[in-house]
Amino acid sequence: MSRPSKRRLVTSPPTPLSVSTYVEDGARIAAILLVWGAIAAVFAYGIGNVGGPGSLFTAIGPQLGALFALTGLLNAVLYLLYRTVDYWQRVAA
Protein backbone atom coordinates (compact mmCIF):
# COMPACT_ATOMS: atom_id res chain seq x y z
CA MET A 1 0.00 0.00 0.00
CA SER A 2 1.53 3.29 -1.00
CA ARG A 3 1.17 6.48 0.94
CA PRO A 4 -0.25 9.48 -0.80
CA SER A 5 2.47 12.03 -1.41
CA LYS A 6 2.10 15.41 0.16
CA ARG A 7 2.82 18.01 -2.44
CA ARG A 8 3.94 21.35 -1.19
CA LEU A 9 2.85 24.43 -2.97
CA VAL A 10 5.94 26.49 -3.58
CA THR A 11 5.27 30.16 -3.99
CA SER A 12 7.66 32.87 -4.90
CA PRO A 13 8.85 35.13 -2.09
CA PRO A 14 7.02 38.42 -1.74
CA THR A 15 8.42 41.36 -3.58
CA PRO A 16 10.39 43.56 -1.22
CA LEU A 17 9.17 47.05 -0.47
CA SER A 18 11.13 49.98 -1.78
CA VAL A 19 13.78 51.64 0.37
CA SER A 20 11.74 54.84 0.47
CA THR A 21 8.89 52.94 2.16
CA TYR A 22 11.21 51.81 4.94
CA VAL A 23 12.61 55.34 5.28
CA GLU A 24 9.08 56.75 5.53
CA ASP A 25 8.18 54.22 8.24
CA GLY A 26 11.36 55.06 10.13
CA ALA A 27 10.52 58.76 9.91
CA ARG A 28 7.02 58.10 11.23
CA ILE A 29 8.38 56.14 14.18
CA ALA A 30 10.91 58.88 14.90
CA ALA A 31 8.14 61.50 14.74
CA ILE A 32 5.99 59.50 17.17
CA LEU A 33 8.88 59.24 19.63
CA LEU A 34 9.85 62.90 19.18
CA VAL A 35 6.33 64.23 19.81
CA TRP A 36 5.72 62.06 22.87
CA GLY A 37 9.26 62.79 24.11
CA ALA A 38 8.63 66.52 23.86
CA ILE A 39 5.35 66.17 25.77
CA ALA A 40 7.12 64.07 28.41
CA ALA A 41 9.92 66.65 28.73
CA VAL A 42 7.42 69.48 29.17
CA PHE A 43 5.74 67.66 32.02
CA ALA A 44 8.89 66.29 33.65
CA TYR A 45 11.00 69.45 33.48
CA GLY A 46 8.54 72.28 32.82
CA ILE A 47 5.55 71.43 34.97
CA GLY A 48 7.78 69.65 37.49
CA ASN A 49 9.62 72.91 38.22
CA VAL A 50 6.50 74.98 38.89
CA GLY A 51 6.10 75.87 42.54
CA GLY A 52 8.33 75.24 45.48
CA PRO A 53 9.29 72.05 47.29
CA GLY A 54 6.23 70.05 48.27
CA SER A 55 4.12 71.63 45.53
CA LEU A 56 1.62 69.43 43.72
CA PHE A 57 3.23 70.27 40.38
CA THR A 58 6.69 69.37 41.68
CA ALA A 59 5.40 66.01 42.85
CA ILE A 60 3.24 65.08 39.88
CA GLY A 61 5.24 66.58 36.98
CA PRO A 62 7.99 63.93 36.77
CA GLN A 63 5.48 61.11 37.10
CA LEU A 64 3.36 62.50 34.28
CA GLY A 65 6.52 62.94 32.21
CA ALA A 66 7.42 59.28 32.71
CA LEU A 67 3.86 58.25 31.90
CA PHE A 68 3.89 60.21 28.62
CA ALA A 69 7.31 58.79 27.71
CA LEU A 70 6.01 55.26 28.24
CA THR A 71 2.88 56.10 26.24
CA GLY A 72 5.05 57.27 23.35
CA LEU A 73 7.15 54.13 23.44
CA LEU A 74 4.06 51.92 23.46
CA ASN A 75 2.59 53.99 20.64
CA ALA A 76 5.69 53.33 18.51
CA VAL A 77 5.51 49.59 19.30
CA LEU A 78 1.83 49.58 18.34
CA TYR A 79 2.69 51.24 15.03
CA LEU A 80 5.32 48.58 14.35
CA LEU A 81 2.79 45.82 15.09
CA TYR A 82 0.30 47.48 12.75
CA ARG A 83 2.85 47.63 9.95
CA THR A 84 3.83 43.99 10.55
CA VAL A 85 0.23 42.80 10.33
CA ASP A 86 -0.33 44.95 7.25
CA TYR A 87 2.76 43.46 5.58
CA TRP A 88 1.76 39.87 6.27
CA GLN A 89 -1.79 40.49 5.08
CA ARG A 90 -0.39 41.80 1.79
CA VAL A 91 1.88 38.75 1.54
CA ALA A 92 -1.01 36.35 2.16
CA ALA A 93 -3.22 38.00 -0.46
PDB file of N, CA and C in Angstrom:
ATOM      1  N   MET A   1       0.829  -1.158   0.000  1.00  0.00           N
ATOM      2  CA  MET A   1       0.000   0.000   0.000  1.00  0.00           C
ATOM      3  C   MET A   1       0.889   1.241   0.000  1.00  0.00           C
ATOM      4  N   SER A   2       0.690   2.107  -0.912  1.00  0.00           N
ATOM      5  CA  SER A   2       1.532   3.294  -1.003  1.00  0.00           C
ATOM      6  C   SER A   2       0.849   4.464  -0.297  1.00  0.00           C
ATOM      7  N   ARG A   3       1.672   5.301   0.244  1.00  0.00           N
ATOM      8  CA  ARG A   3       1.174   6.481   0.941  1.00  0.00           C
ATOM      9  C   ARG A   3       0.959   7.601  -0.068  1.00  0.00           C
ATOM     10  N   PRO A   4      -0.086   8.344   0.104  1.00  0.00           N
ATOM     11  CA  PRO A   4      -0.254   9.481  -0.805  1.00  0.00           C
ATOM     12  C   PRO A   4       0.827  10.517  -0.529  1.00  0.00           C
ATOM     13  N   SER A   5       1.396  11.041  -1.571  1.00  0.00           N
ATOM     14  CA  SER A   5       2.470  12.032  -1.406  1.00  0.00           C
ATOM     15  C   SER A   5       1.862  13.385  -1.072  1.00  0.00           C
ATOM     16  N   LYS A   6       2.529  14.059  -0.193  1.00  0.00           N
ATOM     17  CA  LYS A   6       2.102  15.413   0.163  1.00  0.00           C
ATOM     18  C   LYS A   6       2.883  16.376  -0.712  1.00  0.00           C
ATOM     19  N   ARG A   7       2.162  17.046  -1.552  1.00  0.00           N
ATOM     20  CA  ARG A   7       2.820  18.007  -2.436  1.00  0.00           C
ATOM     21  C   ARG A   7       2.757  19.375  -1.798  1.00  0.00           C
ATOM     22  N   ARG A   8       3.872  20.017  -1.757  1.00  0.00           N
ATOM     23  CA  ARG A   8       3.941  21.354  -1.188  1.00  0.00           C
ATOM     24  C   ARG A   8       3.796  22.370  -2.307  1.00  0.00           C
ATOM     25  N   LEU A   9       3.016  23.345  -2.024  1.00  0.00           N
ATOM     26  CA  LEU A   9       2.846  24.429  -2.966  1.00  0.00           C
ATOM     27  C   LEU A   9       3.971  25.430  -2.732  1.00  0.00           C
ATOM     28  N   VAL A  10       4.812  25.581  -3.696  1.00  0.00           N
ATOM     29  CA  VAL A  10       5.942  26.492  -3.580  1.00  0.00           C
ATOM     30  C   VAL A  10       5.545  27.806  -4.243  1.00  0.00           C
ATOM     31  N   THR A  11       5.588  28.843  -3.443  1.00  0.00           N
ATOM     32  CA  THR A  11       5.270  30.159  -3.986  1.00  0.00           C
ATOM     33  C   THR A  11       6.528  31.000  -4.004  1.00  0.00           C
ATOM     34  N   SER A  12       6.500  31.976  -4.841  1.00  0.00           N
ATOM     35  CA  SER A  12       7.661  32.868  -4.898  1.00  0.00           C
ATOM     36  C   SER A  12       7.643  33.791  -3.688  1.00  0.00           C
ATOM     37  N   PRO A  13       8.807  34.221  -3.243  1.00  0.00           N
ATOM     38  CA  PRO A  13       8.845  35.128  -2.088  1.00  0.00           C
ATOM     39  C   PRO A  13       8.195  36.454  -2.450  1.00  0.00           C
ATOM     40  N   PRO A  14       7.674  37.144  -1.454  1.00  0.00           N
ATOM     41  CA  PRO A  14       7.021  38.417  -1.741  1.00  0.00           C
ATOM     42  C   PRO A  14       8.026  39.441  -2.252  1.00  0.00           C
ATOM     43  N   THR A  15       7.534  40.318  -3.069  1.00  0.00           N
ATOM     44  CA  THR A  15       8.423  41.363  -3.581  1.00  0.00           C
ATOM     45  C   THR A  15       8.762  42.309  -2.439  1.00  0.00           C
ATOM     46  N   PRO A  16      10.009  42.666  -2.321  1.00  0.00           N
ATOM     47  CA  PRO A  16      10.389  43.563  -1.225  1.00  0.00           C
ATOM     48  C   PRO A  16       9.837  44.969  -1.464  1.00  0.00           C
ATOM     49  N   LEU A  17       9.622  45.657  -0.376  1.00  0.00           N
ATOM     50  CA  LEU A  17       9.175  47.046  -0.470  1.00  0.00           C
ATOM     51  C   LEU A  17      10.361  47.921  -0.858  1.00  0.00           C
ATOM     52  N   SER A  18      10.057  49.081  -1.381  1.00  0.00           N
ATOM     53  CA  SER A  18      11.132  49.985  -1.778  1.00  0.00           C
ATOM     54  C   SER A  18      11.804  50.573  -0.537  1.00  0.00           C
ATOM     55  N   VAL A  19      13.013  51.052  -0.734  1.00  0.00           N
ATOM     56  CA  VAL A  19      13.778  51.641   0.366  1.00  0.00           C
ATOM     57  C   VAL A  19      13.063  52.875   0.904  1.00  0.00           C
ATOM     58  N   SER A  20      12.435  53.625   0.020  1.00  0.00           N
ATOM     59  CA  SER A  20      11.742  54.836   0.469  1.00  0.00           C
ATOM     60  C   SER A  20      10.592  54.506   1.421  1.00  0.00           C
ATOM     61  N   THR A  21       9.952  53.351   1.242  1.00  0.00           N
ATOM     62  CA  THR A  21       8.886  52.942   2.157  1.00  0.00           C
ATOM     63  C   THR A  21       9.442  52.704   3.555  1.00  0.00           C
ATOM     64  N   TYR A  22      10.597  52.053   3.627  1.00  0.00           N
ATOM     65  CA  TYR A  22      11.214  51.815   4.936  1.00  0.00           C
ATOM     66  C   TYR A  22      11.687  53.122   5.570  1.00  0.00           C
ATOM     67  N   VAL A  23      12.177  54.037   4.758  1.00  0.00           N
ATOM     68  CA  VAL A  23      12.614  55.338   5.283  1.00  0.00           C
ATOM     69  C   VAL A  23      11.411  56.113   5.807  1.00  0.00           C
ATOM     70  N   GLU A  24      10.289  56.067   5.074  1.00  0.00           N
ATOM     71  CA  GLU A  24       9.078  56.749   5.534  1.00  0.00           C
ATOM     72  C   GLU A  24       8.581  56.166   6.855  1.00  0.00           C
ATOM     73  N   ASP A  25       8.602  54.849   6.982  1.00  0.00           N
ATOM     74  CA  ASP A  25       8.184  54.223   8.237  1.00  0.00           C
ATOM     75  C   ASP A  25       9.109  54.612   9.380  1.00  0.00           C
ATOM     76  N   GLY A  26      10.405  54.644   9.104  1.00  0.00           N
ATOM     77  CA  GLY A  26      11.355  55.064  10.132  1.00  0.00           C
ATOM     78  C   GLY A  26      11.124  56.504  10.557  1.00  0.00           C
ATOM     79  N   ALA A  27      10.795  57.361   9.591  1.00  0.00           N
ATOM     80  CA  ALA A  27      10.521  58.764   9.910  1.00  0.00           C
ATOM     81  C   ALA A  27       9.245  58.886  10.743  1.00  0.00           C
ATOM     82  N   ARG A  28       8.255  58.063  10.440  1.00  0.00           N
ATOM     83  CA  ARG A  28       7.018  58.100  11.228  1.00  0.00           C
ATOM     84  C   ARG A  28       7.272  57.657  12.672  1.00  0.00           C
ATOM     85  N   ILE A  29       8.055  56.614  12.828  1.00  0.00           N
ATOM     86  CA  ILE A  29       8.380  56.140  14.182  1.00  0.00           C
ATOM     87  C   ILE A  29       9.173  57.201  14.933  1.00  0.00           C
ATOM     88  N   ALA A  30      10.131  57.823  14.257  1.00  0.00           N
ATOM     89  CA  ALA A  30      10.912  58.883  14.899  1.00  0.00           C
ATOM     90  C   ALA A  30      10.020  60.059  15.288  1.00  0.00           C
ATOM     91  N   ALA A  31       9.048  60.395  14.435  1.00  0.00           N
ATOM     92  CA  ALA A  31       8.141  61.498  14.743  1.00  0.00           C
ATOM     93  C   ALA A  31       7.270  61.160  15.949  1.00  0.00           C
ATOM     94  N   ILE A  32       6.794  59.932  16.011  1.00  0.00           N
ATOM     95  CA  ILE A  32       5.990  59.502  17.167  1.00  0.00           C
ATOM     96  C   ILE A  32       6.803  59.660  18.448  1.00  0.00           C
ATOM     97  N   LEU A  33       8.038  59.156  18.433  1.00  0.00           N
ATOM     98  CA  LEU A  33       8.876  59.236  19.629  1.00  0.00           C
ATOM     99  C   LEU A  33       9.247  60.677  19.968  1.00  0.00           C
ATOM    100  N   LEU A  34       9.478  61.501  18.944  1.00  0.00           N
ATOM    101  CA  LEU A  34       9.848  62.897  19.181  1.00  0.00           C
ATOM    102  C   LEU A  34       8.693  63.673  19.812  1.00  0.00           C
ATOM    103  N   VAL A  35       7.491  63.498  19.279  1.00  0.00           N
ATOM    104  CA  VAL A  35       6.334  64.225  19.814  1.00  0.00           C
ATOM    105  C   VAL A  35       6.055  63.814  21.256  1.00  0.00           C
ATOM    106  N   TRP A  36       5.990  62.509  21.506  1.00  0.00           N
ATOM    107  CA  TRP A  36       5.721  62.062  22.868  1.00  0.00           C
ATOM    108  C   TRP A  36       6.877  62.397  23.804  1.00  0.00           C
ATOM    109  N   GLY A  37       8.108  62.397  23.299  1.00  0.00           N
ATOM    110  CA  GLY A  37       9.257  62.788  24.114  1.00  0.00           C
ATOM    111  C   GLY A  37       9.197  64.254  24.500  1.00  0.00           C
ATOM    112  N   ALA A  38       8.767  65.088  23.551  1.00  0.00           N
ATOM    113  CA  ALA A  38       8.629  66.523  23.855  1.00  0.00           C
ATOM    114  C   ALA A  38       7.540  66.747  24.900  1.00  0.00           C
ATOM    115  N   ILE A  39       6.419  66.043  24.771  1.00  0.00           N
ATOM    116  CA  ILE A  39       5.348  66.169  25.767  1.00  0.00           C
ATOM    117  C   ILE A  39       5.851  65.699  27.134  1.00  0.00           C
ATOM    118  N   ALA A  40       6.584  64.590  27.143  1.00  0.00           N
ATOM    119  CA  ALA A  40       7.120  64.072  28.408  1.00  0.00           C
ATOM    120  C   ALA A  40       8.102  65.055  29.029  1.00  0.00           C
ATOM    121  N   ALA A  41       8.944  65.683  28.211  1.00  0.00           N
ATOM    122  CA  ALA A  41       9.916  66.651  28.732  1.00  0.00           C
ATOM    123  C   ALA A  41       9.221  67.880  29.307  1.00  0.00           C
ATOM    124  N   VAL A  42       8.160  68.326  28.652  1.00  0.00           N
ATOM    125  CA  VAL A  42       7.421  69.484  29.171  1.00  0.00           C
ATOM    126  C   VAL A  42       6.861  69.179  30.550  1.00  0.00           C
ATOM    127  N   PHE A  43       6.305  67.999  30.713  1.00  0.00           N
ATOM    128  CA  PHE A  43       5.738  67.663  32.017  1.00  0.00           C
ATOM    129  C   PHE A  43       6.818  67.388  33.053  1.00  0.00           C
ATOM    130  N   ALA A  44       7.867  66.661  32.670  1.00  0.00           N
ATOM    131  CA  ALA A  44       8.892  66.292  33.651  1.00  0.00           C
ATOM    132  C   ALA A  44       9.719  67.492  34.091  1.00  0.00           C
ATOM    133  N   TYR A  45      10.093  68.355  33.134  1.00  0.00           N
ATOM    134  CA  TYR A  45      11.005  69.447  33.480  1.00  0.00           C
ATOM    135  C   TYR A  45      10.321  70.807  33.545  1.00  0.00           C
ATOM    136  N   GLY A  46       9.241  71.000  32.787  1.00  0.00           N
ATOM    137  CA  GLY A  46       8.541  72.284  32.817  1.00  0.00           C
ATOM    138  C   GLY A  46       7.547  72.339  33.956  1.00  0.00           C
ATOM    139  N   ILE A  47       6.580  71.458  33.928  1.00  0.00           N
ATOM    140  CA  ILE A  47       5.552  71.433  34.965  1.00  0.00           C
ATOM    141  C   ILE A  47       6.150  71.004  36.303  1.00  0.00           C
ATOM    142  N   GLY A  48       7.150  70.138  36.254  1.00  0.00           N
ATOM    143  CA  GLY A  48       7.780  69.654  37.489  1.00  0.00           C
ATOM    144  C   GLY A  48       8.535  70.730  38.242  1.00  0.00           C
ATOM    145  N   ASN A  49       8.876  71.829  37.568  1.00  0.00           N
ATOM    146  CA  ASN A  49       9.619  72.909  38.216  1.00  0.00           C
ATOM    147  C   ASN A  49       8.731  74.071  38.635  1.00  0.00           C
ATOM    148  N   VAL A  50       7.419  73.924  38.476  1.00  0.00           N
ATOM    149  CA  VAL A  50       6.498  74.983  38.886  1.00  0.00           C
ATOM    150  C   VAL A  50       6.232  74.829  40.377  1.00  0.00           C
ATOM    151  N   GLY A  51       6.361  75.899  41.098  1.00  0.00           N
ATOM    152  CA  GLY A  51       6.097  75.866  42.539  1.00  0.00           C
ATOM    153  C   GLY A  51       7.341  75.474  43.318  1.00  0.00           C
ATOM    154  N   GLY A  52       7.214  75.557  44.604  1.00  0.00           N
ATOM    155  CA  GLY A  52       8.335  75.240  45.478  1.00  0.00           C
ATOM    156  C   GLY A  52       8.328  73.784  45.893  1.00  0.00           C
ATOM    157  N   PRO A  53       9.249  73.434  46.799  1.00  0.00           N
ATOM    158  CA  PRO A  53       9.291  72.055  47.287  1.00  0.00           C
ATOM    159  C   PRO A  53       7.970  71.690  47.977  1.00  0.00           C
ATOM    160  N   GLY A  54       7.482  70.495  47.685  1.00  0.00           N
ATOM    161  CA  GLY A  54       6.226  70.052  48.267  1.00  0.00           C
ATOM    162  C   GLY A  54       5.013  70.459  47.458  1.00  0.00           C
ATOM    163  N   SER A  55       5.225  71.203  46.392  1.00  0.00           N
ATOM    164  CA  SER A  55       4.121  71.630  45.534  1.00  0.00           C
ATOM    165  C   SER A  55       3.537  70.424  44.792  1.00  0.00           C
ATOM    166  N   LEU A  56       2.265  70.505  44.462  1.00  0.00           N
ATOM    167  CA  LEU A  56       1.619  69.433  43.719  1.00  0.00           C
ATOM    168  C   LEU A  56       2.276  69.250  42.354  1.00  0.00           C
ATOM    169  N   PHE A  57       2.598  70.351  41.685  1.00  0.00           N
ATOM    170  CA  PHE A  57       3.233  70.267  40.377  1.00  0.00           C
ATOM    171  C   PHE A  57       4.621  69.640  40.449  1.00  0.00           C
ATOM    172  N   THR A  58       5.365  69.954  41.507  1.00  0.00           N
ATOM    173  CA  THR A  58       6.692  69.373  41.684  1.00  0.00           C
ATOM    174  C   THR A  58       6.597  67.865  41.895  1.00  0.00           C
ATOM    175  N   ALA A  59       5.553  67.432  42.568  1.00  0.00           N
ATOM    176  CA  ALA A  59       5.403  66.007  42.846  1.00  0.00           C
ATOM    177  C   ALA A  59       4.859  65.233  41.644  1.00  0.00           C
ATOM    178  N   ILE A  60       3.917  65.828  40.932  1.00  0.00           N
ATOM    179  CA  ILE A  60       3.236  65.080  39.882  1.00  0.00           C
ATOM    180  C   ILE A  60       3.878  65.256  38.501  1.00  0.00           C
ATOM    181  N   GLY A  61       4.627  66.311  38.285  1.00  0.00           N
ATOM    182  CA  GLY A  61       5.239  66.581  36.977  1.00  0.00           C
ATOM    183  C   GLY A  61       6.141  65.461  36.464  1.00  0.00           C
ATOM    184  N   PRO A  62       7.126  65.016  37.258  1.00  0.00           N
ATOM    185  CA  PRO A  62       7.991  63.930  36.773  1.00  0.00           C
ATOM    186  C   PRO A  62       7.245  62.625  36.522  1.00  0.00           C
ATOM    187  N   GLN A  63       6.239  62.339  37.336  1.00  0.00           N
ATOM    188  CA  GLN A  63       5.480  61.106  37.101  1.00  0.00           C
ATOM    189  C   GLN A  63       4.669  61.184  35.814  1.00  0.00           C
ATOM    190  N   LEU A  64       4.075  62.333  35.547  1.00  0.00           N
ATOM    191  CA  LEU A  64       3.359  62.500  34.282  1.00  0.00           C
ATOM    192  C   LEU A  64       4.325  62.448  33.095  1.00  0.00           C
ATOM    193  N   GLY A  65       5.508  63.002  33.273  1.00  0.00           N
ATOM    194  CA  GLY A  65       6.515  62.935  32.213  1.00  0.00           C
ATOM    195  C   GLY A  65       6.895  61.501  31.896  1.00  0.00           C
ATOM    196  N   ALA A  66       7.094  60.696  32.922  1.00  0.00           N
ATOM    197  CA  ALA A  66       7.424  59.282  32.705  1.00  0.00           C
ATOM    198  C   ALA A  66       6.257  58.542  32.062  1.00  0.00           C
ATOM    199  N   LEU A  67       5.047  58.879  32.470  1.00  0.00           N
ATOM    200  CA  LEU A  67       3.859  58.255  31.897  1.00  0.00           C
ATOM    201  C   LEU A  67       3.736  58.580  30.403  1.00  0.00           C
ATOM    202  N   PHE A  68       3.970  59.836  30.036  1.00  0.00           N
ATOM    203  CA  PHE A  68       3.894  60.214  28.624  1.00  0.00           C
ATOM    204  C   PHE A  68       5.036  59.597  27.818  1.00  0.00           C
ATOM    205  N   ALA A  69       6.207  59.452  28.408  1.00  0.00           N
ATOM    206  CA  ALA A  69       7.314  58.793  27.707  1.00  0.00           C
ATOM    207  C   ALA A  69       6.979  57.328  27.442  1.00  0.00           C
ATOM    208  N   LEU A  70       6.413  56.657  28.425  1.00  0.00           N
ATOM    209  CA  LEU A  70       6.007  55.263  28.245  1.00  0.00           C
ATOM    210  C   LEU A  70       4.890  55.146  27.211  1.00  0.00           C
ATOM    211  N   THR A  71       3.963  56.091  27.233  1.00  0.00           N
ATOM    212  CA  THR A  71       2.884  56.101  26.242  1.00  0.00           C
ATOM    213  C   THR A  71       3.446  56.243  24.837  1.00  0.00           C
ATOM    214  N   GLY A  72       4.422  57.106  24.664  1.00  0.00           N
ATOM    215  CA  GLY A  72       5.048  57.274  23.351  1.00  0.00           C
ATOM    216  C   GLY A  72       5.760  56.022  22.893  1.00  0.00           C
ATOM    217  N   LEU A  73       6.450  55.366  23.788  1.00  0.00           N
ATOM    218  CA  LEU A  73       7.146  54.128  23.444  1.00  0.00           C
ATOM    219  C   LEU A  73       6.149  53.044  23.037  1.00  0.00           C
ATOM    220  N   LEU A  74       5.081  52.904  23.801  1.00  0.00           N
ATOM    221  CA  LEU A  74       4.056  51.922  23.463  1.00  0.00           C
ATOM    222  C   LEU A  74       3.344  52.273  22.163  1.00  0.00           C
ATOM    223  N   ASN A  75       3.187  53.551  21.884  1.00  0.00           N
ATOM    224  CA  ASN A  75       2.586  53.990  20.638  1.00  0.00           C
ATOM    225  C   ASN A  75       3.467  53.586  19.453  1.00  0.00           C
ATOM    226  N   ALA A  76       4.766  53.734  19.585  1.00  0.00           N
ATOM    227  CA  ALA A  76       5.686  53.325  18.515  1.00  0.00           C
ATOM    228  C   ALA A  76       5.656  51.813  18.318  1.00  0.00           C
ATOM    229  N   VAL A  77       5.593  51.052  19.403  1.00  0.00           N
ATOM    230  CA  VAL A  77       5.509  49.593  19.297  1.00  0.00           C
ATOM    231  C   VAL A  77       4.195  49.184  18.623  1.00  0.00           C
ATOM    232  N   LEU A  78       3.111  49.860  18.969  1.00  0.00           N
ATOM    233  CA  LEU A  78       1.827  49.575  18.344  1.00  0.00           C
ATOM    234  C   LEU A  78       1.873  49.861  16.844  1.00  0.00           C
ATOM    235  N   TYR A  79       2.543  50.924  16.449  1.00  0.00           N
ATOM    236  CA  TYR A  79       2.687  51.238  15.028  1.00  0.00           C
ATOM    237  C   TYR A  79       3.482  50.140  14.317  1.00  0.00           C
ATOM    238  N   LEU A  80       4.539  49.660  14.948  1.00  0.00           N
ATOM    239  CA  LEU A  80       5.318  48.576  14.353  1.00  0.00           C
ATOM    240  C   LEU A  80       4.482  47.307  14.192  1.00  0.00           C
ATOM    241  N   LEU A  81       3.663  46.989  15.186  1.00  0.00           N
ATOM    242  CA  LEU A  81       2.790  45.824  15.087  1.00  0.00           C
ATOM    243  C   LEU A  81       1.770  45.998  13.958  1.00  0.00           C
ATOM    244  N   TYR A  82       1.243  47.203  13.837  1.00  0.00           N
ATOM    245  CA  TYR A  82       0.296  47.485  12.753  1.00  0.00           C
ATOM    246  C   TYR A  82       0.953  47.274  11.395  1.00  0.00           C
ATOM    247  N   ARG A  83       2.155  47.773  11.236  1.00  0.00           N
ATOM    248  CA  ARG A  83       2.849  47.630   9.948  1.00  0.00           C
ATOM    249  C   ARG A  83       3.198  46.166   9.677  1.00  0.00           C
ATOM    250  N   THR A  84       3.527  45.407  10.720  1.00  0.00           N
ATOM    251  CA  THR A  84       3.834  43.989  10.554  1.00  0.00           C
ATOM    252  C   THR A  84       2.602  43.226  10.084  1.00  0.00           C
ATOM    253  N   VAL A  85       1.468  43.474  10.729  1.00  0.00           N
ATOM    254  CA  VAL A  85       0.227  42.799  10.328  1.00  0.00           C
ATOM    255  C   VAL A  85      -0.151  43.205   8.911  1.00  0.00           C
ATOM    256  N   ASP A  86      -0.011  44.471   8.596  1.00  0.00           N
ATOM    257  CA  ASP A  86      -0.328  44.954   7.249  1.00  0.00           C
ATOM    258  C   ASP A  86       0.555  44.267   6.206  1.00  0.00           C
ATOM    259  N   TYR A  87       1.832  44.120   6.508  1.00  0.00           N
ATOM    260  CA  TYR A  87       2.755  43.464   5.576  1.00  0.00           C
ATOM    261  C   TYR A  87       2.358  42.009   5.348  1.00  0.00           C
ATOM    262  N   TRP A  88       2.076  41.279   6.421  1.00  0.00           N
ATOM    263  CA  TRP A  88       1.756  39.866   6.271  1.00  0.00           C
ATOM    264  C   TRP A  88       0.393  39.655   5.622  1.00  0.00           C
ATOM    265  N   GLN A  89      -0.515  40.595   5.791  1.00  0.00           N
ATOM    266  CA  GLN A  89      -1.789  40.487   5.075  1.00  0.00           C
ATOM    267  C   GLN A  89      -1.588  40.692   3.574  1.00  0.00           C
ATOM    268  N   ARG A  90      -0.694  41.602   3.219  1.00  0.00           N
ATOM    269  CA  ARG A  90      -0.393  41.795   1.789  1.00  0.00           C
ATOM    270  C   ARG A  90       0.314  40.592   1.216  1.00  0.00           C
ATOM    271  N   VAL A  91       1.161  39.940   2.010  1.00  0.00           N
ATOM    272  CA  VAL A  91       1.876  38.748   1.536  1.00  0.00           C
ATOM    273  C   VAL A  91       0.899  37.602   1.324  1.00  0.00           C
ATOM    274  N   ALA A  92      -0.065  37.453   2.240  1.00  0.00           N
ATOM    275  CA  ALA A  92      -1.013  36.354   2.161  1.00  0.00           C
ATOM    276  C   ALA A  92      -2.013  36.532   1.022  1.00  0.00           C
ATOM    277  N   ALA A  93      -2.221  37.753   0.601  1.00  0.00           N
ATOM    278  CA  ALA A  93      -3.215  38.005  -0.460  1.00  0.00           C
ATOM    279  C   ALA A  93      -2.703  37.622  -1.825  1.00  0.00           C
TER     280      ALA A  93
END
